[in-house]
Amino acid sequence: MVPWLLPSALLVVALGVLPPFWFARNRPGYSHVRNTISELGETGAPGAARVGWLGFAPAGLAVLGFCALLHAYLTAQGEGGTGAVLLSLLGVSYVGAAVFPCDAGAPFWGTWKNQMHNLVGGLGYFGAGGGLIELERVFEDLPSLTSLTTVTGALGKLVLLGMVGLSFESPVRGLIQRTVEALVFGWMVAVGAWLMLAH
């Protein structure tokens, strides 16, 4: 499983980064700084179904794959896998974004689908932040990952802070979301690389 963690993390990066840029090309006025990623697949947007099922869902499945591999590694080392399970909620939220597209502008309230979108999105970020904080504790006991302990916990706290920032209208809401996701995806690559070098 260790040799597959880095390629799995790189797949997460590719599927989490490239489709939003690809689909944004066809959205006049869309800003990666101002608009959330979800707005690319919002109800009524051109190609919304393609964004959801060719963008969000594959990225979510890739996150779930990475988390399954990490869980298998941690449990094989005699450690708990709770952190990886919590982190996997980020993948669930991506798939949930395909099933429940947000309303135009990704409002806090709105239709029932928008409420479900916000619920799975919130669970995803909460799970990612909480999962990283739990993994900080787990990494303390693993010689191959001890050096990532502090950064893992710090990133977990930043993800939770970012989740709060995403809850409010802001001219930099898209930038906040992309920063949070870049931190998590970068962490996944770092874990994969660290384990590959350690084994």
Protein backbone atom coordinates (compact mmCIF):
# COMPACT_ATOMS: atom_id res chain seq x y z
CA MET A 1 0.00 0.00 0.00
CA VAL A 2 2.90 2.42 0.69
CA PRO A 3 4.01 2.55 -2.97
CA TRP A 4 0.48 3.57 -3.98
CA LEU A 5 0.05 6.46 -1.55
CA LEU A 6 2.11 8.96 -3.55
CA PRO A 7 0.50 8.16 -6.93
CA SER A 8 -2.88 8.26 -5.21
CA ALA A 9 -2.09 11.70 -3.75
CA LEU A 10 -0.92 12.96 -7.14
CA LEU A 11 -4.18 11.73 -8.67
CA VAL A 12 -6.08 13.72 -6.02
CA VAL A 13 -4.11 16.83 -6.98
CA ALA A 14 -4.72 16.31 -10.70
CA LEU A 15 -8.45 15.67 -10.29
CA GLY A 16 -8.90 18.37 -7.68
CA VAL A 17 -7.08 21.11 -9.59
CA LEU A 18 -7.34 20.55 -13.34
CA PRO A 19 -11.13 20.14 -13.83
CA PRO A 20 -12.03 23.41 -12.06
CA PHE A 21 -9.63 25.32 -14.30
CA TRP A 22 -10.93 23.49 -17.36
CA PHE A 23 -14.60 24.13 -16.61
CA ALA A 24 -13.98 27.74 -15.52
CA ARG A 25 -12.85 28.57 -19.07
CA ASN A 26 -16.47 28.39 -20.20
CA ARG A 27 -17.86 30.60 -17.44
CA PRO A 28 -17.61 34.30 -18.33
CA GLY A 29 -17.05 36.38 -15.22
CA TYR A 30 -16.03 33.40 -13.08
CA SER A 31 -13.18 34.26 -10.71
CA HIS A 32 -11.04 31.67 -8.93
CA VAL A 33 -10.50 34.29 -6.21
CA ARG A 34 -14.12 35.32 -5.68
CA ASN A 35 -16.18 32.24 -6.63
CA THR A 36 -16.21 28.86 -4.93
CA ILE A 37 -15.42 25.69 -6.82
CA SER A 38 -19.02 24.57 -6.25
CA GLU A 39 -20.31 27.49 -8.29
CA LEU A 40 -18.91 25.84 -11.41
CA GLY A 41 -21.57 23.14 -10.96
CA GLU A 42 -24.32 25.32 -9.52
CA THR A 43 -27.92 24.69 -10.52
CA GLY A 44 -28.56 26.26 -13.92
CA ALA A 45 -24.89 26.73 -14.82
CA PRO A 46 -23.82 25.68 -18.32
CA GLY A 47 -22.51 22.11 -18.16
CA ALA A 48 -23.34 21.78 -14.45
CA ALA A 49 -23.90 18.01 -14.69
CA ARG A 50 -20.55 17.54 -16.44
CA VAL A 51 -18.81 19.57 -13.75
CA GLY A 52 -20.41 17.43 -11.05
CA TRP A 53 -19.93 14.00 -12.55
CA LEU A 54 -16.67 14.56 -14.49
CA GLY A 55 -15.08 16.97 -12.02
CA PHE A 56 -16.35 16.70 -8.46
CA ALA A 57 -17.20 12.99 -8.27
CA PRO A 58 -13.85 11.68 -9.62
CA ALA A 59 -11.94 14.02 -7.30
CA GLY A 60 -13.99 12.74 -4.37
CA LEU A 61 -13.36 9.12 -5.30
CA ALA A 62 -9.62 9.86 -5.54
CA VAL A 63 -9.66 11.37 -2.02
CA LEU A 64 -11.52 8.29 -0.76
CA GLY A 65 -8.90 6.06 -2.41
CA PHE A 66 -6.03 7.93 -0.75
CA CYS A 67 -7.77 7.74 2.63
CA ALA A 68 -8.41 4.00 2.23
CA LEU A 69 -4.71 3.42 1.51
CA LEU A 70 -3.66 5.61 4.44
CA HIS A 71 -6.11 3.80 6.72
CA ALA A 72 -4.71 0.42 5.63
CA TYR A 73 -1.15 1.61 6.30
CA LEU A 74 -1.97 3.03 9.73
CA THR A 75 -3.85 -0.06 10.89
CA ALA A 76 -1.06 -2.31 9.59
CA GLN A 77 1.28 -0.31 11.84
CA GLY A 78 -0.98 -0.98 14.83
CA GLU A 79 -2.35 2.56 14.88
CA GLY A 80 -5.93 3.74 14.80
CA GLY A 81 -7.47 4.73 11.50
CA THR A 82 -9.96 7.29 12.82
CA GLY A 83 -8.03 10.23 11.35
CA ALA A 84 -8.08 8.70 7.87
CA VAL A 85 -11.81 7.98 8.19
CA LEU A 86 -12.49 11.59 9.19
CA LEU A 87 -10.30 12.85 6.34
CA SER A 88 -12.29 10.69 3.92
CA LEU A 89 -15.31 12.91 4.58
CA LEU A 90 -13.63 15.43 2.26
CA GLY A 91 -14.00 12.87 -0.53
CA VAL A 92 -17.61 12.26 0.45
CA SER A 93 -18.24 16.00 0.22
CA TYR A 94 -16.89 16.13 -3.34
CA VAL A 95 -19.22 13.32 -4.41
CA GLY A 96 -22.00 15.06 -2.48
CA ALA A 97 -21.37 18.22 -4.51
CA ALA A 98 -22.14 16.22 -7.66
CA VAL A 99 -25.34 14.79 -6.18
CA PHE A 100 -26.49 18.05 -4.55
CA PRO A 101 -25.41 21.08 -6.62
CA CYS A 102 -25.48 24.44 -4.88
CA ASP A 103 -27.79 27.29 -5.82
CA ALA A 104 -26.44 30.18 -7.89
CA GLY A 105 -23.78 32.01 -5.90
CA ALA A 106 -23.46 29.20 -3.32
CA PRO A 107 -25.57 30.94 -0.65
CA PHE A 108 -25.61 29.88 2.98
CA TRP A 109 -29.38 29.22 2.79
CA GLY A 110 -31.49 28.36 -0.26
CA THR A 111 -33.18 25.29 -1.70
CA TRP A 112 -33.09 21.88 -0.03
CA LYS A 113 -30.41 20.77 -2.51
CA ASN A 114 -28.32 23.78 -1.56
CA GLN A 115 -28.79 22.92 2.12
CA MET A 116 -27.65 19.35 1.47
CA HIS A 117 -24.70 20.71 -0.51
CA ASN A 118 -23.70 22.91 2.41
CA LEU A 119 -24.18 20.06 4.88
CA VAL A 120 -21.93 17.62 3.01
CA GLY A 121 -19.43 20.41 2.30
CA GLY A 122 -19.31 21.39 5.96
CA LEU A 123 -18.90 17.76 7.01
CA GLY A 124 -16.09 17.41 4.48
CA TYR A 125 -14.09 20.35 5.78
CA PHE A 126 -14.85 19.51 9.41
CA GLY A 127 -13.77 15.91 8.76
CA ALA A 128 -10.59 17.01 7.01
CA GLY A 129 -9.64 19.41 9.81
CA GLY A 130 -10.54 16.98 12.57
CA GLY A 131 -8.87 14.12 10.73
CA LEU A 132 -5.61 16.01 10.40
CA ILE A 133 -5.68 16.92 14.09
CA GLU A 134 -6.24 13.25 14.97
CA LEU A 135 -3.48 12.19 12.56
CA GLU A 136 -1.10 14.56 14.37
CA ARG A 137 -1.50 12.35 17.44
CA VAL A 138 -1.08 9.15 15.41
CA PHE A 139 2.01 10.41 13.56
CA GLU A 140 3.78 11.02 16.89
CA ASP A 141 3.99 7.24 17.31
CA LEU A 142 5.15 6.43 13.77
CA PRO A 143 8.88 6.91 13.13
CA SER A 144 8.28 7.17 9.37
CA LEU A 145 5.88 10.11 9.83
CA THR A 146 7.00 11.75 13.09
CA SER A 147 8.56 14.68 11.23
CA LEU A 148 5.13 15.57 9.79
CA THR A 149 3.43 15.64 13.20
CA THR A 150 3.47 19.38 13.88
CA VAL A 151 2.60 20.46 10.35
CA THR A 152 -0.27 17.95 10.25
CA GLY A 153 -1.87 19.38 13.38
CA ALA A 154 -1.32 22.96 12.24
CA LEU A 155 -2.93 22.22 8.88
CA GLY A 156 -5.92 20.66 10.63
CA LYS A 157 -6.47 23.85 12.58
CA LEU A 158 -6.07 25.96 9.42
CA VAL A 159 -8.65 23.83 7.60
CA LEU A 160 -11.15 24.41 10.42
CA LEU A 161 -10.40 28.13 10.35
CA GLY A 162 -10.84 28.13 6.57
CA MET A 163 -14.20 26.39 6.99
CA VAL A 164 -15.36 29.33 9.09
CA GLY A 165 -14.09 31.75 6.43
CA LEU A 166 -16.01 29.90 3.73
CA SER A 167 -19.25 30.33 5.65
CA PHE A 168 -19.44 34.05 4.90
CA GLU A 169 -19.77 36.05 1.71
CA SER A 170 -16.39 37.47 0.83
CA PRO A 171 -14.57 38.80 -2.25
CA VAL A 172 -11.86 36.19 -1.53
CA ARG A 173 -14.11 33.22 -0.74
CA GLY A 174 -12.81 31.23 -3.71
CA LEU A 175 -9.22 31.94 -2.72
CA ILE A 176 -9.90 30.76 0.84
CA GLN A 177 -11.39 27.51 -0.46
CA ARG A 178 -8.55 26.89 -2.89
CA THR A 179 -5.96 27.62 -0.20
CA VAL A 180 -7.59 25.12 2.18
CA GLU A 181 -7.74 22.47 -0.52
CA ALA A 182 -4.17 23.16 -1.65
CA LEU A 183 -2.99 22.66 1.94
CA VAL A 184 -4.82 19.32 2.26
CA PHE A 185 -3.79 18.07 -1.18
CA GLY A 186 -0.18 19.17 -0.61
CA TRP A 187 -0.21 17.35 2.73
CA MET A 188 -1.37 14.18 0.97
CA VAL A 189 1.54 14.41 -1.46
CA ALA A 190 3.96 15.03 1.42
CA VAL A 191 2.70 11.95 3.29
CA GLY A 192 2.99 9.81 0.18
CA ALA A 193 6.51 11.07 -0.53
CA TRP A 194 7.61 10.70 3.12
CA LEU A 195 6.44 7.11 3.27
CA MET A 196 7.99 6.26 -0.08
CA LEU A 197 11.35 7.64 1.09
CA ALA A 198 11.05 5.86 4.45
CA HIS A 199 10.43 2.45 2.90
